[in-house]
Amino acid sequence: MSALPSTDLQPAFRALADPTRRDILRRLSAREMTLAEITAHCDMTRAAVKKHLVVLQDGDLIQMRRSGRETLSSLNPDALKPVVNWLNYFETFWDDRLSALHDTLSELETKE
């Protein structure tokens, strides 16, 4: 197994831990959105959505930019790469375990 990535992933995992924030990320993967547009899809106040956006921004998962009087939020897909790399580390773990299970089951079938 290769070494785990050394990037501090705590802010990203904190942001991803909440289903509302994951839903916001999914919506932002399609296009930039204003706070009002995001709030229209959530069953909560504007202030609550803003707090979720701050957590997503702290995790570097979204970017915010001013456009006139509005602030547009967009997905930062590059920030997901370290998270995916961290999860991929464990893919080898499961591949090894599943291969061992397959070999054991094959041996048991052969004995029967």
PDB file of N, CA and C in Angstrom:
ATOM      1  N   MET A   1       0.832  -1.172   0.000  1.00  0.00           N
ATOM      2  CA  MET A   1       0.000   0.000   0.000  1.00  0.00           C
ATOM      3  C   MET A   1       0.883   1.244   0.000  1.00  0.00           C
ATOM      4  N   SER A   2       0.518   2.229  -0.803  1.00  0.00           N
ATOM      5  CA  SER A   2       1.277   3.469  -0.815  1.00  0.00           C
ATOM      6  C   SER A   2       0.886   4.318   0.390  1.00  0.00           C
ATOM      7  N   ALA A   3       1.680   5.343   0.659  1.00  0.00           N
ATOM      8  CA  ALA A   3       1.442   6.186   1.827  1.00  0.00           C
ATOM      9  C   ALA A   3       0.197   7.054   1.632  1.00  0.00           C
ATOM     10  N   LEU A   4      -0.421   7.374   2.748  1.00  0.00           N
ATOM     11  CA  LEU A   4      -1.564   8.280   2.709  1.00  0.00           C
ATOM     12  C   LEU A   4      -1.107   9.684   2.345  1.00  0.00           C
ATOM     13  N   PRO A   5      -1.912  10.433   1.586  1.00  0.00           N
ATOM     14  CA  PRO A   5      -1.561  11.818   1.283  1.00  0.00           C
ATOM     15  C   PRO A   5      -1.414  12.620   2.572  1.00  0.00           C
ATOM     16  N   SER A   6      -0.480  13.567   2.582  1.00  0.00           N
ATOM     17  CA  SER A   6      -0.193  14.315   3.811  1.00  0.00           C
ATOM     18  C   SER A   6      -1.017  15.593   3.949  1.00  0.00           C
ATOM     19  N   THR A   7      -1.842  15.939   2.997  1.00  0.00           N
ATOM     20  CA  THR A   7      -2.657  17.142   3.051  1.00  0.00           C
ATOM     21  C   THR A   7      -3.615  17.090   4.240  1.00  0.00           C
ATOM     22  N   ASP A   8      -3.810  18.239   4.907  1.00  0.00           N
ATOM     23  CA  ASP A   8      -4.771  18.308   6.004  1.00  0.00           C
ATOM     24  C   ASP A   8      -6.182  18.303   5.421  1.00  0.00           C
ATOM     25  N   LEU A   9      -6.867  17.198   5.586  1.00  0.00           N
ATOM     26  CA  LEU A   9      -8.184  17.027   4.997  1.00  0.00           C
ATOM     27  C   LEU A   9      -9.325  17.294   5.973  1.00  0.00           C
ATOM     28  N   GLN A  10      -8.996  17.635   7.216  1.00  0.00           N
ATOM     29  CA  GLN A  10     -10.028  17.820   8.230  1.00  0.00           C
ATOM     30  C   GLN A  10     -11.093  18.840   7.807  1.00  0.00           C
ATOM     31  N   PRO A  11     -10.726  20.026   7.288  1.00  0.00           N
ATOM     32  CA  PRO A  11     -11.769  20.977   6.881  1.00  0.00           C
ATOM     33  C   PRO A  11     -12.661  20.444   5.753  1.00  0.00           C
ATOM     34  N   ALA A  12     -12.086  19.723   4.814  1.00  0.00           N
ATOM     35  CA  ALA A  12     -12.883  19.169   3.714  1.00  0.00           C
ATOM     36  C   ALA A  12     -13.822  18.083   4.219  1.00  0.00           C
ATOM     37  N   PHE A  13     -13.319  17.185   5.069  1.00  0.00           N
ATOM     38  CA  PHE A  13     -14.183  16.132   5.607  1.00  0.00           C
ATOM     39  C   PHE A  13     -15.270  16.714   6.505  1.00  0.00           C
ATOM     40  N   ARG A  14     -14.939  17.770   7.248  1.00  0.00           N
ATOM     41  CA  ARG A  14     -15.963  18.429   8.073  1.00  0.00           C
ATOM     42  C   ARG A  14     -17.063  18.977   7.169  1.00  0.00           C
ATOM     43  N   ALA A  15     -16.670  19.580   6.066  1.00  0.00           N
ATOM     44  CA  ALA A  15     -17.645  20.135   5.129  1.00  0.00           C
ATOM     45  C   ALA A  15     -18.484  19.034   4.488  1.00  0.00           C
ATOM     46  N   LEU A  16     -17.856  17.925   4.155  1.00  0.00           N
ATOM     47  CA  LEU A  16     -18.562  16.827   3.492  1.00  0.00           C
ATOM     48  C   LEU A  16     -19.426  16.003   4.447  1.00  0.00           C
ATOM     49  N   ALA A  17     -19.247  16.185   5.733  1.00  0.00           N
ATOM     50  CA  ALA A  17     -19.957  15.363   6.718  1.00  0.00           C
ATOM     51  C   ALA A  17     -21.460  15.638   6.769  1.00  0.00           C
ATOM     52  N   ASP A  18     -21.877  16.781   6.302  1.00  0.00           N
ATOM     53  CA  ASP A  18     -23.282  17.162   6.426  1.00  0.00           C
ATOM     54  C   ASP A  18     -24.034  16.941   5.112  1.00  0.00           C
ATOM     55  N   PRO A  19     -25.199  16.297   5.143  1.00  0.00           N
ATOM     56  CA  PRO A  19     -25.949  16.040   3.904  1.00  0.00           C
ATOM     57  C   PRO A  19     -26.407  17.310   3.182  1.00  0.00           C
ATOM     58  N   THR A  20     -26.708  18.355   3.939  1.00  0.00           N
ATOM     59  CA  THR A  20     -27.098  19.616   3.291  1.00  0.00           C
ATOM     60  C   THR A  20     -25.934  20.180   2.491  1.00  0.00           C
ATOM     61  N   ARG A  21     -24.736  20.138   3.058  1.00  0.00           N
ATOM     62  CA  ARG A  21     -23.568  20.656   2.337  1.00  0.00           C
ATOM     63  C   ARG A  21     -23.243  19.794   1.128  1.00  0.00           C
ATOM     64  N   ARG A  22     -23.427  18.490   1.249  1.00  0.00           N
ATOM     65  CA  ARG A  22     -23.204  17.623   0.075  1.00  0.00           C
ATOM     66  C   ARG A  22     -24.211  17.947  -1.017  1.00  0.00           C
ATOM     67  N   ASP A  23     -25.446  18.247  -0.647  1.00  0.00           N
ATOM     68  CA  ASP A  23     -26.457  18.622  -1.633  1.00  0.00           C
ATOM     69  C   ASP A  23     -26.103  19.955  -2.294  1.00  0.00           C
ATOM     70  N   ILE A  24     -25.622  20.899  -1.510  1.00  0.00           N
ATOM     71  CA  ILE A  24     -25.201  22.187  -2.071  1.00  0.00           C
ATOM     72  C   ILE A  24     -24.061  21.964  -3.069  1.00  0.00           C
ATOM     73  N   LEU A  25     -23.099  21.131  -2.710  1.00  0.00           N
ATOM     74  CA  LEU A  25     -21.991  20.838  -3.638  1.00  0.00           C
ATOM     75  C   LEU A  25     -22.507  20.224  -4.932  1.00  0.00           C
ATOM     76  N   ARG A  26     -23.463  19.308  -4.803  1.00  0.00           N
ATOM     77  CA  ARG A  26     -24.032  18.674  -5.999  1.00  0.00           C
ATOM     78  C   ARG A  26     -24.673  19.726  -6.896  1.00  0.00           C
ATOM     79  N   ARG A  27     -25.411  20.637  -6.309  1.00  0.00           N
ATOM     80  CA  ARG A  27     -26.054  21.699  -7.093  1.00  0.00           C
ATOM     81  C   ARG A  27     -25.017  22.626  -7.731  1.00  0.00           C
ATOM     82  N   LEU A  28     -23.970  22.939  -6.969  1.00  0.00           N
ATOM     83  CA  LEU A  28     -22.939  23.829  -7.495  1.00  0.00           C
ATOM     84  C   LEU A  28     -22.084  23.146  -8.570  1.00  0.00           C
ATOM     85  N   SER A  29     -22.142  21.835  -8.638  1.00  0.00           N
ATOM     86  CA  SER A  29     -21.385  21.142  -9.691  1.00  0.00           C
ATOM     87  C   SER A  29     -21.982  21.425 -11.070  1.00  0.00           C
ATOM     88  N   ALA A  30     -23.236  21.844 -11.098  1.00  0.00           N
ATOM     89  CA  ALA A  30     -23.900  22.153 -12.368  1.00  0.00           C
ATOM     90  C   ALA A  30     -23.634  23.587 -12.820  1.00  0.00           C
ATOM     91  N   ARG A  31     -23.596  24.513 -11.827  1.00  0.00           N
ATOM     92  CA  ARG A  31     -23.400  25.924 -12.193  1.00  0.00           C
ATOM     93  C   ARG A  31     -23.186  26.776 -10.950  1.00  0.00           C
ATOM     94  N   GLU A  32     -22.708  27.994 -11.165  1.00  0.00           N
ATOM     95  CA  GLU A  32     -22.603  28.973 -10.088  1.00  0.00           C
ATOM     96  C   GLU A  32     -24.002  29.338  -9.619  1.00  0.00           C
ATOM     97  N   MET A  33     -24.104  29.644  -8.331  1.00  0.00           N
ATOM     98  CA  MET A  33     -25.407  30.023  -7.792  1.00  0.00           C
ATOM     99  C   MET A  33     -25.242  31.128  -6.760  1.00  0.00           C
ATOM    100  N   THR A  34     -26.274  31.948  -6.649  1.00  0.00           N
ATOM    101  CA  THR A  34     -26.314  32.958  -5.601  1.00  0.00           C
ATOM    102  C   THR A  34     -26.841  32.316  -4.315  1.00  0.00           C
ATOM    103  N   LEU A  35     -26.691  33.040  -3.230  1.00  0.00           N
ATOM    104  CA  LEU A  35     -27.224  32.569  -1.948  1.00  0.00           C
ATOM    105  C   LEU A  35     -28.733  32.356  -2.048  1.00  0.00           C
ATOM    106  N   ALA A  36     -29.426  33.261  -2.710  1.00  0.00           N
ATOM    107  CA  ALA A  36     -30.890  33.137  -2.852  1.00  0.00           C
ATOM    108  C   ALA A  36     -31.258  31.882  -3.639  1.00  0.00           C
ATOM    109  N   GLU A  37     -30.504  31.580  -4.702  1.00  0.00           N
ATOM    110  CA  GLU A  37     -30.794  30.383  -5.499  1.00  0.00           C
ATOM    111  C   GLU A  37     -30.549  29.107  -4.697  1.00  0.00           C
ATOM    112  N   ILE A  38     -29.496  29.105  -3.917  1.00  0.00           N
ATOM    113  CA  ILE A  38     -29.202  27.924  -3.084  1.00  0.00           C
ATOM    114  C   ILE A  38     -30.273  27.774  -2.007  1.00  0.00           C
ATOM    115  N   THR A  39     -30.633  28.883  -1.375  1.00  0.00           N
ATOM    116  CA  THR A  39     -31.637  28.860  -0.307  1.00  0.00           C
ATOM    117  C   THR A  39     -32.982  28.356  -0.821  1.00  0.00           C
ATOM    118  N   ALA A  40     -33.306  28.654  -2.059  1.00  0.00           N
ATOM    119  CA  ALA A  40     -34.586  28.213  -2.640  1.00  0.00           C
ATOM    120  C   ALA A  40     -34.695  26.690  -2.672  1.00  0.00           C
ATOM    121  N   HIS A  41     -33.570  25.994  -2.662  1.00  0.00           N
ATOM    122  CA  HIS A  41     -33.567  24.523  -2.702  1.00  0.00           C
ATOM    123  C   HIS A  41     -33.436  23.895  -1.315  1.00  0.00           C
ATOM    124  N   CYS A  42     -33.313  24.729  -0.292  1.00  0.00           N
ATOM    125  CA  CYS A  42     -33.100  24.218   1.071  1.00  0.00           C
ATOM    126  C   CYS A  42     -34.280  24.587   1.951  1.00  0.00           C
ATOM    127  N   ASP A  43     -34.568  23.728   2.898  1.00  0.00           N
ATOM    128  CA  ASP A  43     -35.656  23.983   3.837  1.00  0.00           C
ATOM    129  C   ASP A  43     -35.075  24.606   5.105  1.00  0.00           C
ATOM    130  N   MET A  44     -34.473  25.795   4.927  1.00  0.00           N
ATOM    131  CA  MET A  44     -33.870  26.506   6.057  1.00  0.00           C
ATOM    132  C   MET A  44     -33.726  27.972   5.695  1.00  0.00           C
ATOM    133  N   THR A  45     -33.348  28.756   6.674  1.00  0.00           N
ATOM    134  CA  THR A  45     -33.220  30.196   6.459  1.00  0.00           C
ATOM    135  C   THR A  45     -31.974  30.514   5.643  1.00  0.00           C
ATOM    136  N   ARG A  46     -31.982  31.729   5.127  1.00  0.00           N
ATOM    137  CA  ARG A  46     -30.815  32.233   4.392  1.00  0.00           C
ATOM    138  C   ARG A  46     -29.564  32.219   5.262  1.00  0.00           C
ATOM    139  N   ALA A  47     -29.738  32.614   6.534  1.00  0.00           N
ATOM    140  CA  ALA A  47     -28.600  32.653   7.462  1.00  0.00           C
ATOM    141  C   ALA A  47     -28.018  31.258   7.674  1.00  0.00           C
ATOM    142  N   ALA A  48     -28.881  30.257   7.769  1.00  0.00           N
ATOM    143  CA  ALA A  48     -28.414  28.883   7.957  1.00  0.00           C
ATOM    144  C   ALA A  48     -27.657  28.402   6.718  1.00  0.00           C
ATOM    145  N   VAL A  49     -28.172  28.720   5.537  1.00  0.00           N
ATOM    146  CA  VAL A  49     -27.481  28.342   4.290  1.00  0.00           C
ATOM    147  C   VAL A  49     -26.133  29.035   4.214  1.00  0.00           C
ATOM    148  N   LYS A  50     -26.089  30.298   4.601  1.00  0.00           N
ATOM    149  CA  LYS A  50     -24.829  31.054   4.590  1.00  0.00           C
ATOM    150  C   LYS A  50     -23.790  30.371   5.477  1.00  0.00           C
ATOM    151  N   LYS A  51     -24.222  29.877   6.645  1.00  0.00           N
ATOM    152  CA  LYS A  51     -23.300  29.171   7.541  1.00  0.00           C
ATOM    153  C   LYS A  51     -22.751  27.914   6.866  1.00  0.00           C
ATOM    154  N   HIS A  52     -23.601  27.193   6.139  1.00  0.00           N
ATOM    155  CA  HIS A  52     -23.145  26.013   5.406  1.00  0.00           C
ATOM    156  C   HIS A  52     -22.128  26.409   4.332  1.00  0.00           C
ATOM    157  N   LEU A  53     -22.384  27.517   3.663  1.00  0.00           N
ATOM    158  CA  LEU A  53     -21.451  27.980   2.630  1.00  0.00           C
ATOM    159  C   LEU A  53     -20.100  28.354   3.225  1.00  0.00           C
ATOM    160  N   VAL A  54     -20.106  28.929   4.409  1.00  0.00           N
ATOM    161  CA  VAL A  54     -18.851  29.283   5.075  1.00  0.00           C
ATOM    162  C   VAL A  54     -18.048  28.021   5.385  1.00  0.00           C
ATOM    163  N   VAL A  55     -18.714  26.980   5.858  1.00  0.00           N
ATOM    164  CA  VAL A  55     -18.016  25.715   6.147  1.00  0.00           C
ATOM    165  C   VAL A  55     -17.447  25.119   4.856  1.00  0.00           C
ATOM    166  N   LEU A  56     -18.229  25.169   3.784  1.00  0.00           N
ATOM    167  CA  LEU A  56     -17.743  24.674   2.490  1.00  0.00           C
ATOM    168  C   LEU A  56     -16.549  25.490   1.995  1.00  0.00           C
ATOM    169  N   GLN A  57     -16.599  26.794   2.215  1.00  0.00           N
ATOM    170  CA  GLN A  57     -15.490  27.655   1.810  1.00  0.00           C
ATOM    171  C   GLN A  57     -14.261  27.390   2.689  1.00  0.00           C
ATOM    172  N   ASP A  58     -14.463  27.176   3.985  1.00  0.00           N
ATOM    173  CA  ASP A  58     -13.351  26.849   4.884  1.00  0.00           C
ATOM    174  C   ASP A  58     -12.678  25.543   4.465  1.00  0.00           C
ATOM    175  N   GLY A  59     -13.461  24.620   3.935  1.00  0.00           N
ATOM    176  CA  GLY A  59     -12.915  23.358   3.438  1.00  0.00           C
ATOM    177  C   GLY A  59     -12.343  23.486   2.040  1.00  0.00           C
ATOM    178  N   ASP A  60     -12.383  24.678   1.484  1.00  0.00           N
ATOM    179  CA  ASP A  60     -11.865  24.984   0.140  1.00  0.00           C
ATOM    180  C   ASP A  60     -12.642  24.250  -0.951  1.00  0.00           C
ATOM    181  N   LEU A  61     -13.856  23.792  -0.632  1.00  0.00           N
ATOM    182  CA  LEU A  61     -14.645  23.049  -1.604  1.00  0.00           C
ATOM    183  C   LEU A  61     -15.452  23.954  -2.530  1.00  0.00           C
ATOM    184  N   ILE A  62     -15.638  25.210  -2.112  1.00  0.00           N
ATOM    185  CA  ILE A  62     -16.307  26.174  -2.984  1.00  0.00           C
ATOM    186  C   ILE A  62     -15.497  27.461  -3.024  1.00  0.00           C
ATOM    187  N   GLN A  63     -15.770  28.215  -4.062  1.00  0.00           N
ATOM    188  CA  GLN A  63     -15.186  29.544  -4.204  1.00  0.00           C
ATOM    189  C   GLN A  63     -16.330  30.538  -4.280  1.00  0.00           C
ATOM    190  N   MET A  64     -16.109  31.730  -3.757  1.00  0.00           N
ATOM    191  CA  MET A  64     -17.111  32.781  -3.818  1.00  0.00           C
ATOM    192  C   MET A  64     -16.503  33.991  -4.506  1.00  0.00           C
ATOM    193  N   ARG A  65     -17.317  34.607  -5.361  1.00  0.00           N
ATOM    194  CA  ARG A  65     -16.853  35.826  -6.032  1.00  0.00           C
ATOM    195  C   ARG A  65     -17.997  36.814  -6.110  1.00  0.00           C
ATOM    196  N   ARG A  66     -17.635  38.072  -6.021  1.00  0.00           N
ATOM    197  CA  ARG A  66     -18.624  39.138  -6.104  1.00  0.00           C
ATOM    198  C   ARG A  66     -18.925  39.437  -7.564  1.00  0.00           C
ATOM    199  N   SER A  67     -20.193  39.642  -7.843  1.00  0.00           N
ATOM    200  CA  SER A  67     -20.648  40.072  -9.157  1.00  0.00           C
ATOM    201  C   SER A  67     -21.712  41.136  -8.920  1.00  0.00           C
ATOM    202  N   GLY A  68     -21.292  42.387  -8.964  1.00  0.00           N
ATOM    203  CA  GLY A  68     -22.219  43.465  -8.628  1.00  0.00           C
ATOM    204  C   GLY A  68     -22.598  43.384  -7.166  1.00  0.00           C
ATOM    205  N   ARG A  69     -23.889  43.316  -6.899  1.00  0.00           N
ATOM    206  CA  ARG A  69     -24.381  43.243  -5.516  1.00  0.00           C
ATOM    207  C   ARG A  69     -24.480  41.820  -5.001  1.00  0.00           C
ATOM    208  N   GLU A  70     -24.250  40.848  -5.861  1.00  0.00           N
ATOM    209  CA  GLU A  70     -24.426  39.443  -5.477  1.00  0.00           C
ATOM    210  C   GLU A  70     -23.083  38.746  -5.286  1.00  0.00           C
ATOM    211  N   THR A  71     -23.132  37.699  -4.499  1.00  0.00           N
ATOM    212  CA  THR A  71     -21.986  36.820  -4.345  1.00  0.00           C
ATOM    213  C   THR A  71     -22.356  35.485  -4.975  1.00  0.00           C
ATOM    214  N   LEU A  72     -21.535  35.053  -5.902  1.00  0.00           N
ATOM    215  CA  LEU A  72     -21.766  33.777  -6.580  1.00  0.00           C
ATOM    216  C   LEU A  72     -20.867  32.714  -5.975  1.00  0.00           C
ATOM    217  N   SER A  73     -21.440  31.560  -5.713  1.00  0.00           N
ATOM    218  CA  SER A  73     -20.692  30.426  -5.191  1.00  0.00           C
ATOM    219  C   SER A  73     -20.535  29.401  -6.308  1.00  0.00           C
ATOM    220  N   SER A  74     -19.354  28.789  -6.361  1.00  0.00           N
ATOM    221  CA  SER A  74     -19.102  27.748  -7.362  1.00  0.00           C
ATOM    222  C   SER A  74     -18.256  26.639  -6.739  1.00  0.00           C
ATOM    223  N   LEU A  75     -18.399  25.466  -7.294  1.00  0.00           N
ATOM    224  CA  LEU A  75     -17.643  24.305  -6.839  1.00  0.00           C
ATOM    225  C   LEU A  75     -16.171  24.489  -7.172  1.00  0.00           C
ATOM    226  N   ASN A  76     -15.305  24.081  -6.257  1.00  0.00           N
ATOM    227  CA  ASN A  76     -13.866  24.052  -6.501  1.00  0.00           C
ATOM    228  C   ASN A  76     -13.479  22.580  -6.654  1.00  0.00           C
ATOM    229  N   PRO A  77     -13.586  22.013  -7.866  1.00  0.00           N
ATOM    230  CA  PRO A  77     -13.367  20.578  -8.040  1.00  0.00           C
ATOM    231  C   PRO A  77     -11.950  20.129  -7.703  1.00  0.00           C
ATOM    232  N   ASP A  78     -10.971  21.015  -7.852  1.00  0.00           N
ATOM    233  CA  ASP A  78      -9.590  20.635  -7.536  1.00  0.00           C
ATOM    234  C   ASP A  78      -9.417  20.304  -6.057  1.00  0.00           C
ATOM    235  N   ALA A  79     -10.228  20.905  -5.207  1.00  0.00           N
ATOM    236  CA  ALA A  79     -10.135  20.642  -3.764  1.00  0.00           C
ATOM    237  C   ALA A  79     -10.609  19.237  -3.414  1.00  0.00           C
ATOM    238  N   LEU A  80     -11.380  18.606  -4.302  1.00  0.00           N
ATOM    239  CA  LEU A  80     -11.848  17.243  -4.042  1.00  0.00           C
ATOM    240  C   LEU A  80     -10.779  16.193  -4.348  1.00  0.00           C
ATOM    241  N   LYS A  81      -9.774  16.554  -5.134  1.00  0.00           N
ATOM    242  CA  LYS A  81      -8.742  15.579  -5.507  1.00  0.00           C
ATOM    243  C   LYS A  81      -8.027  14.978  -4.298  1.00  0.00           C
ATOM    244  N   PRO A  82      -7.585  15.783  -3.318  1.00  0.00           N
ATOM    245  CA  PRO A  82      -6.936  15.171  -2.145  1.00  0.00           C
ATOM    246  C   PRO A  82      -7.873  14.237  -1.373  1.00  0.00           C
ATOM    247  N   VAL A  83      -9.158  14.565  -1.332  1.00  0.00           N
ATOM    248  CA  VAL A  83     -10.137  13.702  -0.648  1.00  0.00           C
ATOM    249  C   VAL A  83     -10.244  12.371  -1.388  1.00  0.00           C
ATOM    250  N   VAL A  84     -10.359  12.440  -2.705  1.00  0.00           N
ATOM    251  CA  VAL A  84     -10.444  11.222  -3.526  1.00  0.00           C
ATOM    252  C   VAL A  84      -9.167  10.401  -3.381  1.00  0.00           C
ATOM    253  N   ASN A  85      -8.018  11.054  -3.384  1.00  0.00           N
ATOM    254  CA  ASN A  85      -6.745  10.338  -3.213  1.00  0.00           C
ATOM    255  C   ASN A  85      -6.694   9.629  -1.870  1.00  0.00           C
ATOM    256  N   TRP A  86      -7.184  10.291  -0.826  1.00  0.00           N
ATOM    257  CA  TRP A  86      -7.190   9.680   0.500  1.00  0.00           C
ATOM    258  C   TRP A  86      -8.090   8.444   0.509  1.00  0.00           C
ATOM    259  N   LEU A  87      -9.262   8.559  -0.104  1.00  0.00           N
ATOM    260  CA  LEU A  87     -10.183   7.420  -0.162  1.00  0.00           C
ATOM    261  C   LEU A  87      -9.629   6.291  -1.031  1.00  0.00           C
ATOM    262  N   ASN A  88      -8.952   6.640  -2.116  1.00  0.00           N
ATOM    263  CA  ASN A  88      -8.368   5.623  -2.995  1.00  0.00           C
ATOM    264  C   ASN A  88      -7.307   4.792  -2.293  1.00  0.00           C
ATOM    265  N   TYR A  89      -6.642   5.367  -1.304  1.00  0.00           N
ATOM    266  CA  TYR A  89      -5.665   4.622  -0.524  1.00  0.00           C
ATOM    267  C   TYR A  89      -6.301   3.359   0.055  1.00  0.00           C
ATOM    268  N   PHE A  90      -7.531   3.476   0.490  1.00  0.00           N
ATOM    269  CA  PHE A  90      -8.208   2.349   1.117  1.00  0.00           C
ATOM    270  C   PHE A  90      -8.811   1.381   0.109  1.00  0.00           C
ATOM    271  N   GLU A  91      -8.875   1.769  -1.137  1.00  0.00           N
ATOM    272  CA  GLU A  91      -9.353   0.866  -2.179  1.00  0.00           C
ATOM    273  C   GLU A  91      -8.448  -0.365  -2.260  1.00  0.00           C
ATOM    274  N   THR A  92      -7.158  -0.160  -2.140  1.00  0.00           N
ATOM    275  CA  THR A  92      -6.212  -1.278  -2.149  1.00  0.00           C
ATOM    276  C   THR A  92      -6.474  -2.212  -0.975  1.00  0.00           C
ATOM    277  N   PHE A  93      -6.779  -1.639   0.171  1.00  0.00           N
ATOM    278  CA  PHE A  93      -7.110  -2.426   1.357  1.00  0.00           C
ATOM    279  C   PHE A  93      -8.269  -3.371   1.049  1.00  0.00           C
ATOM    280  N   TRP A  94      -9.338  -2.835   0.466  1.00  0.00           N
ATOM    281  CA  TRP A  94     -10.510  -3.658   0.182  1.00  0.00           C
ATOM    282  C   TRP A  94     -10.240  -4.630  -0.952  1.00  0.00           C
ATOM    283  N   ASP A  95      -9.483  -4.225  -1.956  1.00  0.00           N
ATOM    284  CA  ASP A  95      -9.132  -5.147  -3.043  1.00  0.00           C
ATOM    285  C   ASP A  95      -8.383  -6.360  -2.496  1.00  0.00           C
ATOM    286  N   ASP A  96      -7.424  -6.115  -1.607  1.00  0.00           N
ATOM    287  CA  ASP A  96      -6.662  -7.210  -1.001  1.00  0.00           C
ATOM    288  C   ASP A  96      -7.569  -8.127  -0.181  1.00  0.00           C
ATOM    289  N   ARG A  97      -8.449  -7.547   0.624  1.00  0.00           N
ATOM    290  CA  ARG A  97      -9.341  -8.347   1.471  1.00  0.00           C
ATOM    291  C   ARG A  97     -10.327  -9.157   0.634  1.00  0.00           C
ATOM    292  N   LEU A  98     -10.872  -8.528  -0.398  1.00  0.00           N
ATOM    293  CA  LEU A  98     -11.835  -9.236  -1.247  1.00  0.00           C
ATOM    294  C   LEU A  98     -11.159 -10.341  -2.055  1.00  0.00           C
ATOM    295  N   SER A  99      -9.935 -10.116  -2.476  1.00  0.00           N
ATOM    296  CA  SER A  99      -9.192 -11.166  -3.180  1.00  0.00           C
ATOM    297  C   SER A  99      -8.932 -12.345  -2.248  1.00  0.00           C
ATOM    298  N   ALA A 100      -8.567 -12.062  -1.009  1.00  0.00           N
ATOM    299  CA  ALA A 100      -8.337 -13.123  -0.029  1.00  0.00           C
ATOM    300  C   ALA A 100      -9.628 -13.895   0.240  1.00  0.00           C
ATOM    301  N   LEU A 101     -10.744 -13.196   0.356  1.00  0.00           N
ATOM    302  CA  LEU A 101     -12.034 -13.853   0.556  1.00  0.00           C
ATOM    303  C   LEU A 101     -12.366 -14.738  -0.635  1.00  0.00           C
ATOM    304  N   HIS A 102     -12.162 -14.238  -1.827  1.00  0.00           N
ATOM    305  CA  HIS A 102     -12.422 -15.017  -3.045  1.00  0.00           C
ATOM    306  C   HIS A 102     -11.579 -16.294  -3.055  1.00  0.00           C
ATOM    307  N   ASP A 103     -10.297 -16.170  -2.708  1.00  0.00           N
ATOM    308  CA  ASP A 103      -9.417 -17.345  -2.680  1.00  0.00           C
ATOM    309  C   ASP A 103      -9.886 -18.366  -1.647  1.00  0.00           C
ATOM    310  N   THR A 104     -10.310 -17.887  -0.475  1.00  0.00           N
ATOM    311  CA  THR A 104     -10.793 -18.780   0.584  1.00  0.00           C
ATOM    312  C   THR A 104     -12.062 -19.498   0.145  1.00  0.00           C
ATOM    313  N   LEU A 105     -12.988 -18.757  -0.463  1.00  0.00           N
ATOM    314  CA  LEU A 105     -14.225 -19.380  -0.919  1.00  0.00           C
ATOM    315  C   LEU A 105     -13.957 -20.400  -2.038  1.00  0.00           C
ATOM    316  N   SER A 106     -13.019 -20.092  -2.902  1.00  0.00           N
ATOM    317  CA  SER A 106     -12.653 -21.031  -3.977  1.00  0.00           C
ATOM    318  C   SER A 106     -12.071 -22.311  -3.395  1.00  0.00           C
ATOM    319  N   GLU A 107     -11.230 -22.187  -2.383  1.00  0.00           N
ATOM    320  CA  GLU A 107     -10.643 -23.341  -1.714  1.00  0.00           C
ATOM    321  C   GLU A 107     -11.727 -24.197  -1.060  1.00  0.00           C
ATOM    322  N   LEU A 108     -12.706 -23.533  -0.417  1.00  0.00           N
ATOM    323  CA  LEU A 108     -13.783 -24.268   0.231  1.00  0.00           C
ATOM    324  C   LEU A 108     -14.645 -25.029  -0.798  1.00  0.00           C
ATOM    325  N   GLU A 109     -14.903 -24.402  -1.938  1.00  0.00           N
ATOM    326  CA  GLU A 109     -15.665 -25.073  -2.996  1.00  0.00           C
ATOM    327  C   GLU A 109     -14.914 -26.285  -3.543  1.00  0.00           C
ATOM    328  N   THR A 110     -13.598 -26.151  -3.658  1.00  0.00           N
ATOM    329  CA  THR A 110     -12.777 -27.241  -4.151  1.00  0.00           C
ATOM    330  C   THR A 110     -12.792 -28.424  -3.194  1.00  0.00           C
ATOM    331  N   LYS A 111     -12.791 -28.182  -1.909  1.00  0.00           N
ATOM    332  CA  LYS A 111     -12.793 -29.232  -0.884  1.00  0.00           C
ATOM    333  C   LYS A 111     -14.127 -29.957  -0.839  1.00  0.00           C
ATOM    334  N   GLU A 112     -15.213 -29.266  -1.228  1.00  0.00           N
ATOM    335  CA  GLU A 112     -16.533 -29.902  -1.177  1.00  0.00           C
ATOM    336  C   GLU A 112     -16.701 -30.730  -2.378  1.00  0.00           C
TER     337      GLU A 112
END
